[in-house]
C-alpha atoms as a PDB file:
ATOM      1  CA  MET A   1     -15.278  51.950 263.715  1.00  0.00           C
ATOM      2  CA  LEU A   2     -11.752  52.113 262.041  1.00  0.00           C
ATOM      3  CA  ALA A   3     -13.599  55.608 260.325  1.00  0.00           C
ATOM      4  CA  ARG A   4     -14.389  56.514 263.505  1.00  0.00           C
ATOM      5  CA  ILE A   5     -10.762  55.506 265.509  1.00  0.00           C
ATOM      6  CA  THR A   6      -8.885  57.803 262.108  1.00  0.00           C
ATOM      7  CA  ILE A   7     -10.475  60.888 262.726  1.00  0.00           C
ATOM      8  CA  THR A   8     -11.042  61.031 266.645  1.00  0.00           C
ATOM      9  CA  ALA A   9      -6.723  59.875 266.559  1.00  0.00           C
ATOM     10  CA  LEU A  10      -5.944  63.231 263.832  1.00  0.00           C
ATOM     11  CA  LEU A  11      -7.977  65.327 266.373  1.00  0.00           C
ATOM     12  CA  THR A  12      -5.208  65.700 268.634  1.00  0.00           C
ATOM     13  CA  LEU A  13      -2.278  65.858 265.550  1.00  0.00           C
ATOM     14  CA  ALA A  14      -1.699  69.107 262.873  1.00  0.00           C
ATOM     15  CA  LEU A  15      -1.565  67.236 260.103  1.00  0.00           C
ATOM     16  CA  ALA A  16       1.771  69.333 259.065  1.00  0.00           C
ATOM     17  CA  GLY A  17       4.649  68.663 261.734  1.00  0.00           C
ATOM     18  CA  GLN A  18       3.452  65.671 264.083  1.00  0.00           C
ATOM     19  CA  ASP A  19       3.985  62.259 263.215  1.00  0.00           C
ATOM     20  CA  VAL A  20       0.804  59.614 263.579  1.00  0.00           C
ATOM     21  CA  PRO A  21       1.499  56.311 264.967  1.00  0.00           C
ATOM     22  CA  LYS A  22       2.639  54.031 262.869  1.00  0.00           C
ATOM     23  CA  GLN A  23       0.378  50.811 264.635  1.00  0.00           C
ATOM     24  CA  ASP A  24      -2.470  53.236 263.948  1.00  0.00           C
ATOM     25  CA  ALA A  25      -1.681  53.885 260.584  1.00  0.00           C
ATOM     26  CA  GLN A  26      -3.862  57.181 259.550  1.00  0.00           C
ATOM     27  CA  GLU A  27      -1.625  58.561 257.689  1.00  0.00           C
ATOM     28  CA  ALA A  28       0.710  57.686 254.360  1.00  0.00           C
ATOM     29  CA  PRO A  29       3.829  57.156 255.210  1.00  0.00           C
ATOM     30  CA  ALA A  30       5.597  60.478 256.337  1.00  0.00           C
ATOM     31  CA  LYS A  31       8.103  60.668 252.606  1.00  0.00           C
ATOM     32  CA  ALA A  32       9.719  63.820 251.358  1.00  0.00           C
ATOM     33  CA  SER A  33       7.865  63.989 248.183  1.00  0.00           C
ATOM     34  CA  PRO A  34       8.883  64.059 244.787  1.00  0.00           C
ATOM     35  CA  ILE A  35       8.768  67.593 242.265  1.00  0.00           C
ATOM     36  CA  PHE A  36       6.778  66.500 239.161  1.00  0.00           C
ATOM     37  CA  GLU A  37       7.445  68.896 236.329  1.00  0.00           C
ATOM     38  CA  TYR A  38       4.311  68.912 233.943  1.00  0.00           C
ATOM     39  CA  ASP A  39       5.143  69.053 229.729  1.00  0.00           C
ATOM     40  CA  GLY A  40       2.444  69.399 228.279  1.00  0.00           C
ATOM     41  CA  LYS A  41       2.392  65.858 228.790  1.00  0.00           C
ATOM     42  CA  PRO A  42      -0.578  63.948 232.157  1.00  0.00           C
ATOM     43  CA  ILE A  43       1.836  63.434 234.898  1.00  0.00           C
ATOM     44  CA  THR A  44       1.649  59.963 236.538  1.00  0.00           C
ATOM     45  CA  ILE A  45       1.911  60.205 240.194  1.00  0.00           C
ATOM     46  CA  PRO A  46       4.163  57.785 240.944  1.00  0.00           C
ATOM     47  CA  TYR A  47       2.349  56.212 244.288  1.00  0.00           C
ATOM     48  CA  HIS A  48       3.234  52.904 245.466  1.00  0.00           C
ATOM     49  CA  CYS A  49       0.601  51.199 247.842  1.00  0.00           C
ATOM     50  CA  SER A  50       2.298  48.696 250.482  1.00  0.00           C
ATOM     51  CA  LEU A  51       1.931  45.627 252.235  1.00  0.00           C
ATOM     52  CA  ASP A  52       0.129  47.568 255.308  1.00  0.00           C
ATOM     53  CA  ASP A  53      -2.049  49.075 252.480  1.00  0.00           C
ATOM     54  CA  ILE A  54      -3.444  46.476 250.678  1.00  0.00           C
ATOM     55  CA  LYS A  55      -4.761  44.135 254.362  1.00  0.00           C
ATOM     56  CA  TRP A  56      -5.932  46.964 255.405  1.00  0.00           C
ATOM     57  CA  ALA A  57      -8.202  48.095 251.959  1.00  0.00           C
ATOM     58  CA  GLY A  58      -8.645  43.750 251.593  1.00  0.00           C
ATOM     59  CA  MET A  59      -6.938  43.251 248.434  1.00  0.00           C
ATOM     60  CA  THR A  60      -6.236  40.536 246.832  1.00  0.00           C
ATOM     61  CA  CYS A  61      -3.105  42.070 244.401  1.00  0.00           C
ATOM     62  CA  SER A  62      -0.171  39.570 244.106  1.00  0.00           C
ATOM     63  CA  GLU A  63       2.578  39.373 241.942  1.00  0.00           C
ATOM     64  CA  ASP A  64       0.176  38.069 238.922  1.00  0.00           C
ATOM     65  CA  GLU A  65      -2.342  40.266 239.099  1.00  0.00           C
ATOM     66  CA  ALA A  66      -1.262  43.638 240.687  1.00  0.00           C
ATOM     67  CA  CYS A  67      -4.376  46.160 241.599  1.00  0.00           C
ATOM     68  CA  PRO A  68      -5.294  48.797 239.070  1.00  0.00           C
ATOM     69  CA  MET A  69      -5.669  51.955 241.237  1.00  0.00           C
ATOM     70  CA  TYR A  70      -6.727  55.157 239.728  1.00  0.00           C
ATOM     71  CA  LEU A  71      -6.231  59.172 241.231  1.00  0.00           C
ATOM     72  CA  GLU A  72      -9.465  61.504 241.307  1.00  0.00           C
ATOM     73  CA  LEU A  73      -8.961  65.457 240.671  1.00  0.00           C
ATOM     74  CA  ALA A  74     -12.588  66.769 242.753  1.00  0.00           C
ATOM     75  CA  SER A  75     -11.176  70.611 243.154  1.00  0.00           C
ATOM     76  CA  ALA A  76      -8.623  73.727 242.734  1.00  0.00           C
ATOM     77  CA  ASP A  77      -7.621  76.971 243.831  1.00  0.00           C
ATOM     78  CA  ALA A  78      -4.624  78.873 244.569  1.00  0.00           C
ATOM     79  CA  VAL A  79      -3.239  82.439 246.581  1.00  0.00           C
ATOM     80  CA  GLY A  80      -0.509  84.203 244.086  1.00  0.00           C
ATOM     81  CA  ASP A  81       1.458  81.976 242.310  1.00  0.00           C
ATOM     82  CA  HIS A  82       0.650  78.770 244.991  1.00  0.00           C
ATOM     83  CA  VAL A  83      -2.129  76.042 243.347  1.00  0.00           C
ATOM     84  CA  PHE A  84      -3.880  73.228 244.848  1.00  0.00           C
ATOM     85  CA  ALA A  85      -6.180  70.440 243.297  1.00  0.00           C
ATOM     86  CA  ALA A  86      -7.843  68.260 245.633  1.00  0.00           C
ATOM     87  CA  GLY A  87      -8.973  64.460 245.565  1.00  0.00           C
ATOM     88  CA  ASN A  88      -8.735  60.402 246.177  1.00  0.00           C
ATOM     89  CA  ILE A  89      -6.494  57.740 245.462  1.00  0.00           C
ATOM     90  CA  HIS A  90      -8.484  54.766 244.996  1.00  0.00           C
ATOM     91  CA  SER A  91      -8.532  51.201 243.591  1.00  0.00           C
ATOM     92  CA  ASP A  92     -11.591  50.130 242.057  1.00  0.00           C
ATOM     93  CA  ALA A  93     -13.887  50.222 245.055  1.00  0.00           C
ATOM     94  CA  VAL A  94     -11.103  51.351 247.736  1.00  0.00           C
ATOM     95  CA  THR A  95     -10.282  54.892 249.279  1.00  0.00           C
ATOM     96  CA  LEU A  96      -7.567  54.765 249.911  1.00  0.00           C
ATOM     97  CA  TYR A  97      -6.015  57.884 250.467  1.00  0.00           C
ATOM     98  CA  SER A  98      -6.916  61.682 250.672  1.00  0.00           C
ATOM     99  CA  VAL A  99      -4.264  63.575 247.435  1.00  0.00           C
ATOM    100  CA  LEU A 100      -3.481  66.987 248.480  1.00  0.00           C
ATOM    101  CA  LEU A 101      -1.142  68.344 244.985  1.00  0.00           C
ATOM    102  CA  THR A 102       0.468  71.808 245.934  1.00  0.00           C
ATOM    103  CA  SER A 103       2.283  74.105 242.780  1.00  0.00           C
ATOM    104  CA  GLY A 104       4.290  77.137 244.089  1.00  0.00           C
ATOM    105  CA  ASP A 105       5.091  78.051 240.699  1.00  0.00           C
ATOM    106  CA  GLY A 106       1.484  78.761 239.139  1.00  0.00           C
ATOM    107  CA  GLY A 107       1.273  74.973 238.727  1.00  0.00           C
ATOM    108  CA  HIS A 108       4.669  74.309 236.260  1.00  0.00           C
ATOM    109  CA  THR A 109       6.332  71.991 239.360  1.00  0.00           C
ATOM    110  CA  TRP A 110       4.222  70.026 241.515  1.00  0.00           C
ATOM    111  CA  GLN A 111       4.556  67.902 244.485  1.00  0.00           C
ATOM    112  CA  MET A 112       1.900  65.225 246.687  1.00  0.00           C
ATOM    113  CA  GLY A 113       1.885  67.067 250.517  1.00  0.00           C
ATOM    114  CA  PRO A 114       2.397  64.139 252.991  1.00  0.00           C
ATOM    115  CA  ASP A 115      -0.949  64.884 254.750  1.00  0.00           C
ATOM    116  CA  SER A 116      -2.624  62.181 253.084  1.00  0.00           C
ATOM    117  CA  VAL A 117      -5.675  60.798 255.264  1.00  0.00           C
ATOM    118  CA  ARG A 118      -6.232  57.327 254.989  1.00  0.00           C
ATOM    119  CA  GLY A 119      -9.555  56.149 253.436  1.00  0.00           C
ATOM    120  CA  ALA A 120     -10.677  60.219 252.872  1.00  0.00           C
ATOM    121  CA  GLY A 121     -11.258  61.759 249.745  1.00  0.00           C
ATOM    122  CA  LEU A 122     -11.000  65.525 249.684  1.00  0.00           C
ATOM    123  CA  ASP A 123     -13.762  67.960 247.668  1.00  0.00           C
ATOM    124  CA  HIS A 124     -14.550  71.666 247.615  1.00  0.00           C
ATOM    125  CA  MET A 125     -12.500  74.190 248.496  1.00  0.00           C
ATOM    126  CA  GLN A 126     -11.924  78.217 249.676  1.00  0.00           C
ATOM    127  CA  PHE A 127      -9.783  80.500 250.564  1.00  0.00           C
ATOM    128  CA  LEU A 128     -10.237  83.613 252.090  1.00  0.00           C
ATOM    129  CA  ASP A 129      -6.832  85.771 251.451  1.00  0.00           C
ATOM    130  CA  ALA A 130      -3.546  84.079 251.333  1.00  0.00           C
ATOM    131  CA  LEU A 131      -2.822  82.582 253.607  1.00  0.00           C
ATOM    132  CA  THR A 132      -6.695  81.523 255.697  1.00  0.00           C
ATOM    133  CA  GLY A 133      -8.205  78.268 252.794  1.00  0.00           C
ATOM    134  CA  TRP A 134     -10.498  75.317 253.993  1.00  0.00           C
ATOM    135  CA  ILE A 135     -10.322  71.543 251.996  1.00  0.00           C
ATOM    136  CA  SER A 136     -13.774  69.454 252.748  1.00  0.00           C
ATOM    137  CA  GLY A 137     -13.188  66.107 253.089  1.00  0.00           C
ATOM    138  CA  GLN A 138     -14.919  62.607 254.220  1.00  0.00           C
ATOM    139  CA  THR A 139     -13.992  59.480 254.630  1.00  0.00           C
ATOM    140  CA  LEU A 140     -15.137  57.691 251.843  1.00  0.00           C
ATOM    141  CA  PHE A 141     -14.478  54.139 252.870  1.00  0.00           C
ATOM    142  CA  PRO A 142     -16.566  51.917 254.095  1.00  0.00           C
ATOM    143  CA  ILE A 143     -19.187  54.393 253.004  1.00  0.00           C
ATOM    144  CA  PRO A 144     -19.400  58.677 253.510  1.00  0.00           C
ATOM    145  CA  GLN A 145     -18.884  59.223 257.076  1.00  0.00           C
ATOM    146  CA  ASP A 146     -16.988  62.024 260.021  1.00  0.00           C
ATOM    147  CA  PRO A 147     -16.759  64.900 257.722  1.00  0.00           C
ATOM    148  CA  PHE A 148     -13.961  67.703 258.633  1.00  0.00           C
ATOM    149  CA  LEU A 149     -12.284  70.181 256.820  1.00  0.00           C
ATOM    150  CA  LEU A 150      -8.199  70.760 256.388  1.00  0.00           C
ATOM    151  CA  GLN A 151      -7.662  74.269 257.586  1.00  0.00           C
ATOM    152  CA  THR A 152      -4.409  76.393 256.004  1.00  0.00           C
ATOM    153  CA  THR A 153      -3.147  80.101 258.166  1.00  0.00           C
ATOM    154  CA  ASP A 154       0.470  80.238 256.584  1.00  0.00           C
ATOM    155  CA  GLY A 155      -1.012  79.470 253.116  1.00  0.00           C
ATOM    156  CA  GLY A 156      -1.562  75.893 252.554  1.00  0.00           C
ATOM    157  CA  LYS A 157       1.939  74.912 254.434  1.00  0.00           C
ATOM    158  CA  THR A 158       0.606  73.128 256.769  1.00  0.00           C
ATOM    159  CA  TRP A 159      -3.032  72.374 257.517  1.00  0.00           C
ATOM    160  CA  SER A 160      -5.429  71.486 260.565  1.00  0.00           C
ATOM    161  CA  LEU A 161      -8.172  68.618 260.128  1.00  0.00           C
ATOM    162  CA  LYS A 162     -11.436  69.898 262.030  1.00  0.00           C
ATOM    163  CA  PRO A 163     -13.850  67.441 262.452  1.00  0.00           C
ATOM    164  CA  ILE A 164     -17.199  68.685 262.399  1.00  0.00           C
ATOM    165  CA  PHE A 165     -19.225  66.239 264.820  1.00  0.00           C
ATOM    166  CA  THR A 166     -17.644  64.765 267.457  1.00  0.00           C
ATOM    167  CA  GLU A 167     -19.517  61.665 267.347  1.00  0.00           C
ATOM    168  CA  ASN A 168     -19.292  59.125 264.560  1.00  0.00           C
ATOM    169  CA  HIS A 169     -21.799  60.912 261.386  1.00  0.00           C
ATOM    170  CA  PHE A 170     -22.956  59.279 258.739  1.00  0.00           C
ATOM    171  CA  GLY A 171     -22.736  61.701 255.661  1.00  0.00           C
ATOM    172  CA  SER A 172     -20.436  64.034 253.473  1.00  0.00           C
ATOM    173  CA  ILE A 173     -20.341  67.789 253.717  1.00  0.00           C
ATOM    174  CA  GLN A 174     -22.524  69.105 250.627  1.00  0.00           C
ATOM    175  CA  GLN A 175     -21.424  72.768 250.581  1.00  0.00           C
ATOM    176  CA  PHE A 176     -19.228  75.145 253.397  1.00  0.00           C
ATOM    177  CA  THR A 177     -18.953  78.943 252.966  1.00  0.00           C
ATOM    178  CA  PHE A 178     -16.567  81.306 255.310  1.00  0.00           C
ATOM    179  CA  ASP A 179     -16.768  84.873 255.143  1.00  0.00           C
ATOM    180  CA  SER A 180     -14.460  85.963 257.982  1.00  0.00           C
ATOM    181  CA  LYS A 181     -11.299  84.377 259.304  1.00  0.00           C
ATOM    182  CA  THR A 182     -13.833  82.825 262.347  1.00  0.00           C
ATOM    183  CA  SER A 183     -17.336  82.549 261.024  1.00  0.00           C
ATOM    184  CA  GLY A 184     -18.653  80.161 258.087  1.00  0.00           C
ATOM    185  CA  ALA A 185     -21.476  77.168 258.119  1.00  0.00           C
ATOM    186  CA  VAL A 186     -21.462  74.420 255.928  1.00  0.00           C
ATOM    187  CA  VAL A 187     -24.610  71.703 254.779  1.00  0.00           C
ATOM    188  CA  VAL A 188     -23.669  68.564 255.640  1.00  0.00           C
ATOM    189  CA  ASP A 189     -25.969  65.611 253.654  1.00  0.00           C
ATOM    190  CA  ASN A 190     -26.343  62.786 255.614  1.00  0.00           C
ATOM    191  CA  GLY A 191     -27.609  60.738 253.042  1.00  0.00           C
ATOM    192  CA  PRO A 192     -31.223  58.697 252.235  1.00  0.00           C
ATOM    193  CA  GLY A 193     -32.929  56.815 255.157  1.00  0.00           C
ATOM    194  CA  GLY A 194     -32.260  57.110 259.221  1.00  0.00           C
ATOM    195  CA  ASP A 195     -33.935  58.592 261.910  1.00  0.00           C
ATOM    196  CA  THR A 196     -32.680  61.962 260.968  1.00  0.00           C
ATOM    197  CA  GLU A 197     -33.785  64.673 257.820  1.00  0.00           C
ATOM    198  CA  ARG A 198     -31.676  64.056 255.212  1.00  0.00           C
ATOM    199  CA  TYR A 199     -29.396  67.429 255.031  1.00  0.00           C
ATOM    200  CA  THR A 200     -27.672  69.210 258.181  1.00  0.00           C
ATOM    201  CA  ARG A 201     -26.394  72.855 258.732  1.00  0.00           C
ATOM    202  CA  LEU A 202     -24.459  74.449 261.630  1.00  0.00           C
ATOM    203  CA  GLU A 203     -22.597  77.291 262.524  1.00  0.00           C
ATOM    204  CA  SER A 204     -18.857  78.051 263.403  1.00  0.00           C
ATOM    205  CA  SER A 205     -17.101  80.873 264.651  1.00  0.00           C
ATOM    206  CA  ASP A 206     -13.597  79.665 265.778  1.00  0.00           C
ATOM    207  CA  GLY A 207     -12.894  78.888 262.518  1.00  0.00           C
ATOM    208  CA  GLY A 208     -14.464  75.341 262.231  1.00  0.00           C
ATOM    209  CA  SER A 209     -12.962  73.839 265.280  1.00  0.00           C
ATOM    210  CA  THR A 210     -16.388  74.144 266.625  1.00  0.00           C
ATOM    211  CA  TRP A 211     -19.713  74.053 265.141  1.00  0.00           C
ATOM    212  CA  MET A 212     -23.126  74.188 266.193  1.00  0.00           C
ATOM    213  CA  LEU A 213     -26.567  72.576 264.437  1.00  0.00           C
ATOM    214  CA  LYS A 214     -29.060  75.441 263.011  1.00  0.00           C
ATOM    215  CA  GLU A 215     -31.239  73.361 260.743  1.00  0.00           C
ATOM    216  CA  GLU A 216     -32.576  69.978 260.096  1.00  0.00           C
ATOM    217  CA  ASN A 217     -34.149  69.711 256.349  1.00  0.00           C
ATOM    218  CA  ARG A 218     -35.749  67.000 254.340  1.00  0.00           C
ATOM    219  CA  LYS A 219     -34.621  69.131 251.763  1.00  0.00           C
ATOM    220  CA  SER A 220     -31.996  70.632 250.347  1.00  0.00           C
ATOM    221  CA  ILE A 221     -30.509  73.564 252.708  1.00  0.00           C
ATOM    222  CA  PRO A 222     -29.093  76.945 250.230  1.00  0.00           C
ATOM    223  CA  LEU A 223     -26.228  78.688 252.180  1.00  0.00           C
ATOM    224  CA  LYS A 224     -27.633  82.241 252.109  1.00  0.00           C
ATOM    225  CA  ARG A 225     -23.633  83.351 251.639  1.00  0.00           C
ATOM    226  CA  ALA A 226     -22.602  81.102 249.138  1.00  0.00           C
ATOM    227  CA  ALA A 227     -18.833  81.381 248.566  1.00  0.00           C
ATOM    228  CA  ALA A 228     -17.921  83.324 245.291  1.00  0.00           C
ATOM    229  CA  ALA A 229     -16.605  82.013 241.731  1.00  0.00           C
ATOM    230  CA  SER A 230     -13.380  79.921 242.009  1.00  0.00           C
ATOM    231  CA  THR A 231     -11.503  80.952 239.080  1.00  0.00           C
ATOM    232  CA  TRP A 232      -9.516  77.668 238.920  1.00  0.00           C
ATOM    233  CA  ARG A 233     -11.248  74.006 238.067  1.00  0.00           C
ATOM    234  CA  VAL A 234     -10.119  70.541 237.881  1.00  0.00           C
ATOM    235  CA  ARG A 235     -12.025  68.915 234.000  1.00  0.00           C
ATOM    236  CA  ALA A 236     -11.587  65.254 233.621  1.00  0.00           C
ATOM    237  CA  ASP A 237     -10.527  64.893 230.183  1.00  0.00           C
ATOM    238  CA  ALA A 238     -11.378  61.966 228.228  1.00  0.00           C
ATOM    239  CA  SER A 239      -9.050  61.710 225.375  1.00  0.00           C
ATOM    240  CA  THR A 240      -6.182  62.300 227.562  1.00  0.00           C
ATOM    241  CA  ARG A 241      -7.603  59.685 230.537  1.00  0.00           C
ATOM    242  CA  SER A 242      -5.996  62.978 232.789  1.00  0.00           C
ATOM    243  CA  TYR A 243      -7.702  65.069 235.770  1.00  0.00           C
ATOM    244  CA  ARG A 244      -6.613  68.865 234.046  1.00  0.00           C
ATOM    245  CA  ILE A 245      -6.317  71.605 236.269  1.00  0.00           C
ATOM    246  CA  GLU A 246      -7.303  75.187 234.196  1.00  0.00           C
ATOM    247  CA  HIS A 247      -6.947  78.164 235.061  1.00  0.00           C
ATOM    248  CA  LYS A 248     -10.063  80.863 233.477  1.00  0.00           C
ATOM    249  CA  THR A 249      -8.418  84.329 232.226  1.00  0.00           C
ATOM    250  CA  GLY A 250     -11.946  86.847 230.811  1.00  0.00           C
ATOM    251  CA  ASN A 251     -13.179  84.546 229.340  1.00  0.00           C
ATOM    252  CA  GLN A 252     -10.904  81.334 228.522  1.00  0.00           C
ATOM    253  CA  TRP A 253      -9.534  78.238 230.347  1.00  0.00           C
ATOM    254  CA  THR A 254      -6.071  77.537 229.971  1.00  0.00           C
ATOM    255  CA  ALA A 255      -4.683  74.213 231.189  1.00  0.00           C
ATOM    256  CA  VAL A 256      -2.227  74.918 233.682  1.00  0.00           C
ATOM    257  CA  ALA A 257      -1.194  71.453 233.748  1.00  0.00           C
ATOM    258  CA  ALA A 258      -3.029  67.298 233.295  1.00  0.00           C
ATOM    259  CA  PHE A 259      -2.527  64.946 235.895  1.00  0.00           C
ATOM    260  CA  ALA A 260      -2.666  61.295 234.958  1.00  0.00           C
ATOM    261  CA  VAL A 261      -5.963  59.245 236.132  1.00  0.00           C
ATOM    262  CA  LYS A 262      -4.016  55.684 236.548  1.00  0.00           C
ATOM    263  CA  LEU A 263      -1.670  55.238 238.707  1.00  0.00           C
ATOM    264  CA  PRO A 264       1.263  52.352 239.168  1.00  0.00           C
ATOM    265  CA  ALA A 265      -1.063  48.820 240.627  1.00  0.00           C
ATOM    266  CA  CYS A 266      -0.611  47.610 243.357  1.00  0.00           C
ATOM    267  CA  LYS A 267       0.595  44.340 244.354  1.00  0.00           C
ATOM    268  CA  PRO A 268       3.495  43.077 247.487  1.00  0.00           C
ATOM    269  CA  GLU A 269       6.656  44.396 247.623  1.00  0.00           C
END
């Protein structure tokens, strides 16, 4: 029920520039994000969970036994000098917030966006041009459900949440692509079991605001118009326990930034 309330409440709110009612607690508290500078060493995001976060996630954190917290990054892309990296913040068992990291200088300095969605994670990313782009996501707690897209029409300055379904729906976005500012397609993995086919293909003609069911199948459904391969990627680096943001030039991948997996532990404050 909480996941459904999360998506429903956010339908009418642009993720940036609007305040979510505090009692609903769908977004992380809106605070000015500090600037992180990449100097060759992995950046540790100074995330600090609140007492409300601890209660919401059902965690048993204390001063003596703090709860370990981790960053997970899934994708990266760029428009000019503006670089974006998407993922989530989670404990050992619970995803707390989605994360969107942004850089306006090619990866030298970074900020964490204020558009975090509670209980959700972000993964795939596509920019169609310098202004228009999308990031896929879904609520991950307690299980994957209520898949959505974040859409920007101003080069990543603001993002709007576009749910794929109007009703609560279990599953996650397997792949998506847009070949224009209005025309797009998405494949949702509904998960094993249940009374429906595992995979669903939907199409949109208004940039992702509404979606129409086109196909259901037990087998994975390939999209006819796959998104072009990105020259940006996220790579886990075991030696430094970090996620490296890398850019491909020719045949070579070069790291432009790195973020530590381990975050400050969560404890009551």
